[in-house]
């Protein structure tokens, strides 16, 4: 299981931990849901207390994409975390045949390794498990597992033909890992052995006998295997391993010798320097190769702090953003009152508040370079402030000469302050 918290990747049971293997993940929310709390028109920041970066949990922020279906930081953090564990140049592969600690059939396993990761098939005693011939197919460009199948050539007469058909559909250049468990020969036909030889260049599969061990690592159509081993001792552990050079762009130059692994027109060194993926020809998925794309990065809106003023005070701020492509940016504001002005070219917000403006305003700012965007929200609170008292009318007064004139002045204060 993996938790994404405020863009932070927290591995609980990550796929790259062989002790706690994880084959997939489920996201609680695909997109942010603004309707969960407060008003649907604003991205609420409150919620219930929880161990999140701001101290609160709010389902309006749980998505890995925002309401515009653009990936949020959590998406990129997760992708980068898994991509960082992947070798760009080589992968180390191992295949185990009849792996186990005992001599009984239920103690035997078929197992594949890629780097520090491993996949173990269930034992013979668990519903057949990896009994027969196990086949793993990896692409030669990235070293990813594309398919893993088990052909029970011990218990099924149809398994041999299924294996022949499967191998015929694997493209040349794909990496094949094959291993056997228990008795792979009982119903392994001669055509199936020939299909294995043709696909992998094996010189040993024809010699495999009942309860023997055999494993191979090969590139389909290469003519000779990268590694192969056989031992016809009953149920003996056998392991073969090989280091495979990757060729992501398929240009015949392996990545470790290729200055541009994905052949996108931008060198690997330059891509890494600016945070691009050297194995992805179109990192931002806009249909333009990285090497010729002039708009690779979305703008980044600088942090927006809440504002609190008293009625009558002036608000004059400039909202800014950074853009690695140095493109022209446009700012858009939502939620401002009519009396405020906003410059879409400079991001300047100018508002001379009055007593009529008291209240709370949820403001959303979007910055865009015409292709990508970033956004943020903040709140403007306009308080009443200290309003002047109002003196009641005094009116004209008359008094006789040499007599005392006495009366009491009265006034009201809208803020109910003490008057003197």
Protein backbone atom coordinates (compact mmCIF):
# COMPACT_ATOMS: atom_id res chain seq x y z
CA UNK A 1 0.00 0.00 0.00
CA UNK A 2 1.17 3.51 -0.75
CA UNK A 3 -0.13 6.73 0.78
CA UNK A 4 0.08 10.09 -0.95
CA UNK A 5 -0.19 12.87 1.61
CA UNK A 6 0.06 16.45 0.41
CA UNK A 7 2.20 15.37 -2.52
CA UNK A 8 4.44 13.27 -0.27
CA UNK A 9 4.98 9.65 -1.27
CA UNK A 10 4.78 7.38 1.79
CA UNK A 11 5.57 3.73 0.94
CA UNK A 12 3.85 1.29 3.28
CA UNK A 13 4.07 -1.74 1.00
CA UNK A 14 5.80 -0.46 -2.15
CA UNK A 15 6.32 -2.38 -5.35
CA UNK A 16 10.10 -1.98 -5.08
CA UNK A 17 10.36 -3.72 -1.69
CA UNK A 18 10.91 -7.47 -2.24
CA UNK A 19 9.91 -8.16 1.37
CA UNK A 20 6.55 -6.44 0.94
CA UNK A 21 5.64 -6.82 -2.74
CA UNK A 22 2.69 -4.87 -4.06
CA UNK A 23 1.28 -5.50 -7.54
CA UNK A 24 -0.94 -2.44 -7.72
CA UNK A 25 -2.73 0.33 -5.88
CA UNK A 26 -6.17 1.84 -5.49
CA UNK A 27 -6.66 5.59 -5.29
CA UNK A 28 -9.36 6.84 -2.96
CA UNK A 29 -10.21 9.64 -5.38
CA UNK A 30 -9.33 10.22 -9.00
CA UNK A 31 -10.10 13.94 -8.92
CA UNK A 32 -10.49 16.66 -6.31
CA UNK A 33 -14.11 17.11 -5.24
CA UNK A 34 -14.88 20.74 -4.46
CA UNK A 35 -18.46 19.93 -3.48
CA UNK A 36 -17.38 17.90 -0.42
CA UNK A 37 -17.25 20.88 1.97
CA UNK A 38 -18.26 24.53 1.95
CA UNK A 39 -19.33 25.93 -1.41
CA UNK A 40 -18.73 23.97 -4.64
CA UNK A 41 -17.16 27.06 -6.24
CA UNK A 42 -14.15 27.12 -3.89
CA UNK A 43 -11.39 24.70 -2.92
CA UNK A 44 -12.02 24.54 0.83
CA UNK A 45 -9.01 24.24 3.11
CA UNK A 46 -10.67 23.29 6.39
CA UNK A 47 -11.76 19.83 7.47
CA UNK A 48 -11.34 17.41 10.35
CA UNK A 49 -8.11 17.08 12.31
CA UNK A 50 -5.74 14.54 10.80
CA UNK A 51 -2.01 14.05 10.26
CA UNK A 52 -1.89 15.94 6.98
CA UNK A 53 0.58 18.74 6.12
CA UNK A 54 -1.82 21.48 7.27
CA UNK A 55 -3.19 19.43 10.16
CA UNK A 56 -6.54 18.73 8.53
CA UNK A 57 -7.99 16.17 6.17
CA UNK A 58 -10.35 17.31 3.47
CA UNK A 59 -11.68 15.15 0.66
CA UNK A 60 -11.68 18.16 -1.64
CA UNK A 61 -7.91 17.61 -1.93
CA UNK A 62 -7.67 13.82 -2.16
CA UNK A 63 -7.56 13.55 -5.94
CA UNK A 64 -4.43 12.76 -7.93
CA UNK A 65 -5.82 15.10 -10.59
CA UNK A 66 -7.63 18.39 -10.06
CA UNK A 67 -11.12 19.27 -11.24
CA UNK A 68 -9.72 20.13 -14.66
CA UNK A 69 -8.23 16.60 -14.88
CA UNK A 70 -4.70 17.98 -14.72
CA UNK A 71 -2.25 15.86 -12.64
CA UNK A 72 -1.65 17.25 -9.17
CA UNK A 73 1.71 17.07 -7.38
CA UNK A 74 0.75 13.74 -5.83
CA UNK A 75 0.56 12.19 -9.30
CA UNK A 76 4.02 13.41 -10.28
CA UNK A 77 5.47 12.43 -6.91
CA UNK A 78 4.20 8.89 -7.24
CA UNK A 79 5.41 8.58 -10.83
CA UNK A 80 8.84 9.93 -9.95
CA UNK A 81 9.15 7.60 -6.95
CA UNK A 82 8.64 4.51 -9.07
CA UNK A 83 10.61 5.82 -12.02
CA UNK A 84 13.60 6.63 -9.83
CA UNK A 85 14.00 2.97 -8.90
CA UNK A 86 14.21 1.92 -12.54
CA UNK A 87 17.60 1.49 -14.17
CA UNK A 88 17.97 3.44 -17.40
CA UNK A 89 20.81 1.36 -18.82
CA UNK A 90 20.67 -2.25 -17.63
CA UNK A 91 18.52 -4.67 -15.68
CA UNK A 92 19.69 -7.66 -13.70
CA UNK A 93 17.51 -10.73 -14.23
CA UNK A 94 17.41 -14.13 -12.53
CA UNK A 95 15.23 -17.18 -13.05
CA UNK A 96 14.88 -19.96 -10.46
CA UNK A 97 13.83 -23.51 -11.31
CA UNK A 98 12.44 -25.80 -8.58
CA UNK A 99 13.29 -23.24 -5.95
CA UNK A 100 12.55 -24.53 -2.45
CA UNK A 101 13.90 -25.92 0.78
CA UNK A 102 12.50 -29.45 0.68
CA UNK A 103 12.20 -32.43 -1.63
CA UNK A 104 8.43 -32.80 -1.57
CA UNK A 105 6.49 -31.46 -4.56
CA UNK A 106 4.69 -28.88 -2.42
CA UNK A 107 8.02 -27.28 -1.50
CA UNK A 108 8.97 -26.34 -5.08
CA UNK A 109 8.56 -22.90 -6.64
CA UNK A 110 9.13 -21.12 -9.94
CA UNK A 111 10.58 -17.65 -9.41
CA UNK A 112 11.63 -14.64 -11.50
CA UNK A 113 13.77 -11.72 -10.33
CA UNK A 114 14.24 -8.23 -11.78
CA UNK A 115 16.79 -6.29 -9.80
CA UNK A 116 15.77 -6.60 -6.16
CA UNK A 117 12.19 -7.50 -7.01
CA UNK A 118 10.98 -11.08 -7.24
CA UNK A 119 7.83 -12.90 -8.25
CA UNK A 120 7.21 -16.33 -6.75
CA UNK A 121 4.51 -18.61 -8.08
CA UNK A 122 2.42 -20.70 -5.73
CA UNK A 123 3.75 -24.10 -4.78
CA UNK A 124 2.60 -27.32 -6.39
CA UNK A 125 0.47 -27.98 -3.34
CA UNK A 126 -1.49 -24.76 -3.87
CA UNK A 127 -3.66 -25.54 -6.85
CA UNK A 128 -0.91 -26.27 -9.35
CA UNK A 129 0.94 -23.00 -8.89
CA UNK A 130 3.97 -22.73 -11.12
CA UNK A 131 3.96 -26.39 -12.11
CA UNK A 132 5.18 -26.93 -15.67
CA UNK A 133 6.83 -24.12 -17.63
CA UNK A 134 6.62 -20.50 -16.50
CA UNK A 135 7.29 -17.73 -19.02
CA UNK A 136 7.94 -14.05 -18.34
CA UNK A 137 8.04 -11.47 -21.15
CA UNK A 138 9.80 -8.13 -20.66
CA UNK A 139 10.18 -5.29 -23.14
CA UNK A 140 13.75 -4.61 -24.23
CA UNK A 141 13.44 -0.84 -23.95
CA UNK A 142 12.46 -0.36 -20.32
CA UNK A 143 12.75 -3.84 -18.82
CA UNK A 144 9.10 -3.89 -17.73
CA UNK A 145 7.24 -7.16 -17.30
CA UNK A 146 4.56 -7.26 -19.99
CA UNK A 147 3.16 -10.72 -19.40
CA UNK A 148 3.70 -13.75 -17.19
CA UNK A 149 2.10 -17.11 -17.93
CA UNK A 150 2.30 -20.66 -16.64
CA UNK A 151 1.85 -23.63 -18.96
CA UNK A 152 1.13 -26.79 -16.97
CA UNK A 153 2.91 -29.25 -19.24
CA UNK A 154 2.75 -31.82 -16.45
CA UNK A 155 -1.00 -31.99 -16.10
CA UNK A 156 -2.48 -30.62 -19.35
CA UNK A 157 -2.20 -32.10 -22.83
CA UNK A 158 -3.24 -28.76 -24.33
CA UNK A 159 -0.48 -26.81 -22.55
CA UNK A 160 2.21 -27.57 -25.14
CA UNK A 161 0.22 -26.14 -28.03
CA UNK A 162 -0.76 -23.12 -25.95
CA UNK A 163 2.94 -22.56 -25.26
CA UNK A 164 3.77 -22.84 -28.98
CA UNK A 165 1.07 -20.31 -29.86
CA UNK A 166 2.17 -17.94 -27.11
CA UNK A 167 5.83 -17.91 -28.13
CA UNK A 168 4.91 -17.33 -31.78
CA UNK A 169 3.12 -14.12 -30.81
CA UNK A 170 6.05 -12.65 -28.82
CA UNK A 171 7.86 -10.01 -30.89
CA UNK A 172 11.54 -10.30 -31.70
CA UNK A 173 13.70 -8.30 -29.31
CA UNK A 174 11.48 -9.00 -26.31
CA UNK A 175 13.22 -10.53 -23.30
CA UNK A 176 12.08 -14.04 -22.40
CA UNK A 177 12.57 -15.59 -18.97
CA UNK A 178 11.57 -19.26 -18.74
CA UNK A 179 11.84 -21.78 -15.94
CA UNK A 180 10.35 -25.13 -14.94
CA UNK A 181 8.88 -26.52 -11.75
CA UNK A 182 8.14 -30.13 -10.73
CA UNK A 183 7.75 -32.24 -13.91
CA UNK A 184 7.58 -30.02 -16.98
CA UNK A 185 8.20 -32.91 -19.41
CA UNK A 186 5.22 -35.20 -18.85
CA UNK A 187 3.16 -33.59 -21.62
CA UNK A 188 5.82 -31.36 -23.22
CA UNK A 189 5.59 -32.12 -26.92
CA UNK A 190 8.46 -32.11 -29.41
CA UNK A 191 6.92 -29.15 -31.30
CA UNK A 192 6.89 -27.23 -28.00
CA UNK A 193 10.58 -27.99 -27.42
CA UNK A 194 11.34 -26.82 -30.96
CA UNK A 195 9.34 -23.62 -30.39
CA UNK A 196 11.41 -22.91 -27.27
CA UNK A 197 14.64 -23.52 -29.20
CA UNK A 198 13.53 -21.22 -32.00
CA UNK A 199 12.46 -18.40 -29.68
CA UNK A 200 15.37 -18.51 -27.26
CA UNK A 201 18.26 -20.30 -28.95
CA UNK A 202 18.17 -22.95 -26.20
CA UNK A 203 20.50 -25.89 -26.57
CA UNK A 204 19.35 -27.66 -23.42
CA UNK A 205 15.55 -27.86 -23.46
CA UNK A 206 15.72 -31.02 -25.58
CA UNK A 207 17.77 -32.65 -22.79
CA UNK A 208 15.36 -31.89 -19.94
CA UNK A 209 13.99 -35.01 -18.19
CA UNK A 210 11.32 -35.70 -15.60
CA UNK A 211 11.78 -33.69 -12.38
CA UNK A 212 14.82 -31.96 -13.89
CA UNK A 213 15.53 -28.25 -13.49
CA UNK A 214 15.99 -25.80 -16.38
CA UNK A 215 15.94 -22.03 -16.76
CA UNK A 216 16.82 -19.58 -19.50
CA UNK A 217 17.04 -15.83 -20.16
CA UNK A 218 17.09 -14.78 -23.81
CA UNK A 219 16.13 -12.11 -26.31
CA UNK A 220 13.56 -13.44 -28.75
CA UNK A 221 15.15 -14.04 -32.12
CA UNK A 222 18.72 -13.27 -30.98
CA UNK A 223 19.92 -16.78 -31.85
CA UNK A 224 21.73 -17.50 -28.57
CA UNK A 225 20.52 -17.18 -24.99
CA UNK A 226 21.91 -14.66 -22.52
CA UNK A 227 21.98 -17.36 -19.84
CA UNK A 228 20.82 -20.98 -19.66
CA UNK A 229 21.19 -23.77 -17.14
CA UNK A 230 20.04 -27.39 -16.73
CA UNK A 231 20.38 -30.01 -14.00
CA UNK A 232 18.51 -33.28 -14.28
CA UNK A 233 19.01 -34.14 -10.64
CA UNK A 234 15.54 -34.56 -9.13
CA UNK A 235 14.12 -31.24 -7.90
CA UNK A 236 17.45 -29.49 -7.54
CA UNK A 237 17.46 -25.72 -7.09
CA UNK A 238 18.84 -24.06 -10.21
CA UNK A 239 19.34 -20.37 -10.91
CA UNK A 240 20.50 -18.52 -14.02
CA UNK A 241 21.12 -14.79 -14.19
CA UNK A 242 22.04 -12.19 -16.78
CA UNK A 243 22.55 -8.44 -17.05
CA UNK A 244 20.58 -7.09 -20.01
CA UNK A 245 21.48 -3.88 -21.80
CA UNK A 246 18.38 -1.80 -22.54
CA UNK A 247 17.76 -0.02 -25.83
CA UNK A 248 14.75 2.21 -25.21
CA UNK A 249 14.49 3.77 -28.67
CA UNK A 250 15.35 0.55 -30.52
CA UNK A 251 18.04 2.24 -32.61
CA UNK A 252 20.57 -0.54 -32.08
CA UNK A 253 22.61 1.56 -29.63
CA UNK A 254 22.12 0.40 -26.04
CA UNK A 255 21.26 3.09 -23.53
CA UNK A 256 24.62 3.06 -21.78
CA UNK A 257 26.26 4.05 -25.09
CA UNK A 258 23.44 6.25 -26.40
CA UNK A 259 23.50 10.01 -25.73
CA UNK A 260 19.77 10.23 -26.45
CA UNK A 261 18.09 7.11 -25.09
CA UNK A 262 14.60 7.97 -26.32
CA UNK A 263 15.67 9.64 -29.59
CA UNK A 264 13.54 12.74 -28.95
CA UNK A 265 16.16 15.22 -30.14
CA UNK A 266 17.25 16.26 -26.63
CA UNK A 267 20.26 14.66 -24.97
CA UNK A 268 19.82 12.65 -21.79
CA UNK A 269 22.14 15.04 -19.97
CA UNK A 270 20.03 18.06 -20.91
CA UNK A 271 16.77 16.31 -20.03
CA UNK A 272 18.00 15.28 -16.59
CA UNK A 273 19.31 18.80 -15.95
CA UNK A 274 15.83 20.30 -16.35
CA UNK A 275 13.92 17.47 -14.71
CA UNK A 276 12.62 15.68 -17.81
CA UNK A 277 12.43 11.93 -18.29
CA UNK A 278 15.22 10.79 -20.66
CA UNK A 279 13.22 7.65 -21.46
CA UNK A 280 10.06 9.51 -22.51
CA UNK A 281 10.02 11.13 -25.95
CA UNK A 282 7.09 13.37 -24.99
CA UNK A 283 7.25 14.00 -21.26
CA UNK A 284 4.26 16.35 -21.16
CA UNK A 285 2.15 14.22 -23.55
CA UNK A 286 1.29 17.11 -25.85
CA UNK A 287 2.25 15.31 -29.07
CA UNK A 288 5.48 17.28 -29.51
CA UNK A 289 8.89 15.67 -29.01
CA UNK A 290 10.80 17.02 -26.03
CA UNK A 291 13.69 18.12 -28.23
CA UNK A 292 11.55 20.58 -30.21
CA UNK A 293 8.91 21.48 -27.62
CA UNK A 294 9.09 25.12 -26.52
CA UNK A 295 6.48 24.68 -23.80
CA UNK A 296 7.42 21.83 -21.52
CA UNK A 297 6.64 23.06 -18.04
CA UNK A 298 3.49 24.45 -16.46
CA UNK A 299 3.73 27.78 -14.64
CA UNK A 300 3.96 27.61 -10.86
CA UNK A 301 1.84 30.06 -8.90
CA UNK A 302 3.57 31.46 -5.84
CA UNK A 303 1.96 30.85 -2.48
CA UNK A 304 -1.13 32.96 -1.84
CA UNK A 305 -1.63 34.12 1.76
CA UNK A 306 -4.98 35.16 3.19
CA UNK A 307 -5.54 38.93 3.55
CA UNK A 308 -7.31 40.73 6.39
CA UNK A 309 -8.09 44.46 6.30
CA UNK A 310 -10.50 46.92 7.85
CA UNK A 311 -13.13 48.56 5.71
CA UNK A 312 -11.72 51.66 4.08
CA UNK A 313 -8.21 50.26 3.72
CA UNK A 314 -6.53 49.75 0.35
CA UNK A 315 -5.52 46.35 -0.98
CA UNK A 316 -2.77 46.61 -3.57
CA UNK A 317 -0.86 43.39 -4.21
CA UNK A 318 0.77 41.69 -7.19
CA UNK A 319 0.32 37.95 -7.64
CA UNK A 320 3.23 36.26 -9.39
CA UNK A 321 4.21 32.93 -10.87
CA UNK A 322 7.36 31.24 -12.18
CA UNK A 323 7.64 29.61 -15.60
CA UNK A 324 10.68 27.56 -16.59
CA UNK A 325 9.87 28.08 -20.29
CA UNK A 326 9.77 31.89 -19.80
CA UNK A 327 6.47 32.06 -21.66
CA UNK A 328 4.01 34.96 -21.46
CA UNK A 329 1.62 34.32 -18.58
CA UNK A 330 -2.00 35.35 -18.14
CA UNK A 331 -3.67 35.67 -14.74
CA UNK A 332 -7.38 35.13 -14.14
CA UNK A 333 -9.22 35.93 -10.91
CA UNK A 334 -12.58 34.62 -9.68
CA UNK A 335 -14.56 35.79 -6.66
CA UNK A 336 -13.57 39.49 -6.64
CA UNK A 337 -16.26 42.14 -6.06
CA UNK A 338 -17.09 44.59 -8.84
CA UNK A 339 -15.25 47.41 -7.07
CA UNK A 340 -11.91 45.59 -7.33
CA UNK A 341 -9.69 45.74 -10.41
CA UNK A 342 -7.37 42.96 -11.56
CA UNK A 343 -4.65 43.19 -14.22
CA UNK A 344 -4.55 39.91 -16.14
CA UNK A 345 -1.12 40.68 -17.60
CA UNK A 346 0.70 41.63 -14.39
CA UNK A 347 -1.41 39.93 -11.72
CA UNK A 348 -1.95 43.20 -9.84
CA UNK A 349 -5.00 43.30 -7.57
CA UNK A 350 -6.19 46.80 -6.60
CA UNK A 351 -9.18 47.30 -4.30
CA UNK A 352 -10.14 50.34 -2.28
CA UNK A 353 -12.48 48.82 0.26
CA UNK A 354 -15.44 50.64 1.81
CA UNK A 355 -17.86 49.97 4.63
CA UNK A 356 -20.15 48.33 2.08
CA UNK A 357 -17.53 45.64 1.39
CA UNK A 358 -17.42 44.04 4.83
CA UNK A 359 -17.40 40.24 4.66
CA UNK A 360 -15.30 37.29 3.54
CA UNK A 361 -14.31 36.68 -0.09
CA UNK A 362 -12.96 33.39 -1.45
CA UNK A 363 -10.64 34.23 -4.34
CA UNK A 364 -9.34 31.77 -6.94
CA UNK A 365 -6.37 32.72 -9.12
CA UNK A 366 -5.44 30.83 -12.28
CA UNK A 367 -2.21 31.44 -14.16
CA UNK A 368 -1.77 30.00 -17.64
CA UNK A 369 0.81 29.99 -20.41
CA UNK A 370 -1.98 29.19 -22.90
CA UNK A 371 -1.29 25.43 -22.67
CA UNK A 372 -0.68 24.65 -19.03
CA UNK A 373 -1.87 26.29 -15.87
CA UNK A 374 -1.61 26.39 -12.10
CA UNK A 375 -4.11 27.74 -9.62
CA UNK A 376 -4.52 28.64 -5.98
CA UNK A 377 -7.06 30.05 -3.58
CA UNK A 378 -6.96 32.56 -0.75
CA UNK A 379 -9.43 34.51 1.38
CA UNK A 380 -9.87 38.25 1.80
CA UNK A 381 -11.57 39.26 5.04
CA UNK A 382 -12.82 42.86 5.17
CA UNK A 383 -13.63 43.79 8.76
CA UNK A 384 -15.88 46.63 9.78
CA UNK A 385 -13.06 48.51 11.48
CA UNK A 386 -13.72 51.44 13.86
CA UNK A 387 -16.60 53.38 12.40
CA UNK A 388 -17.17 56.95 13.64
CA UNK A 389 -19.90 57.64 16.21
CA UNK A 390 -22.94 59.64 15.14
CA UNK A 391 -23.93 62.68 17.26
CA UNK A 392 -27.64 63.11 17.69
CA UNK A 393 -29.04 66.50 16.56
CA UNK A 394 -28.61 69.15 19.29
CA UNK A 395 -31.15 71.67 18.05
CA UNK A 396 -31.41 75.37 18.96
CA UNK A 397 -31.45 76.27 22.66
CA UNK A 398 -32.73 79.46 24.47
CA UNK A 399 -32.13 80.67 28.00
CA UNK A 400 -32.79 83.85 30.06
CA UNK A 401 -29.92 86.20 30.71
CA UNK A 402 -27.85 85.28 33.74
CA UNK A 403 -29.50 81.80 33.87
CA UNK A 404 -27.75 78.44 33.56
CA UNK A 405 -28.12 76.49 30.32
CA UNK A 406 -27.75 72.74 30.83
CA UNK A 407 -28.49 69.85 28.45
CA UNK A 408 -27.05 66.37 27.64
CA UNK A 409 -25.43 65.47 24.34
CA UNK A 410 -26.33 62.05 22.92
CA UNK A 411 -24.65 59.94 20.25
CA UNK A 412 -24.70 56.41 18.88
CA UNK A 413 -21.78 54.20 17.84
CA UNK A 414 -22.32 51.48 15.17
CA UNK A 415 -19.53 49.45 16.78
CA UNK A 416 -21.05 49.87 20.28
CA UNK A 417 -17.79 51.34 21.56
CA UNK A 418 -17.69 53.42 24.77
CA UNK A 419 -18.03 57.10 23.91
CA UNK A 420 -16.53 60.04 25.70
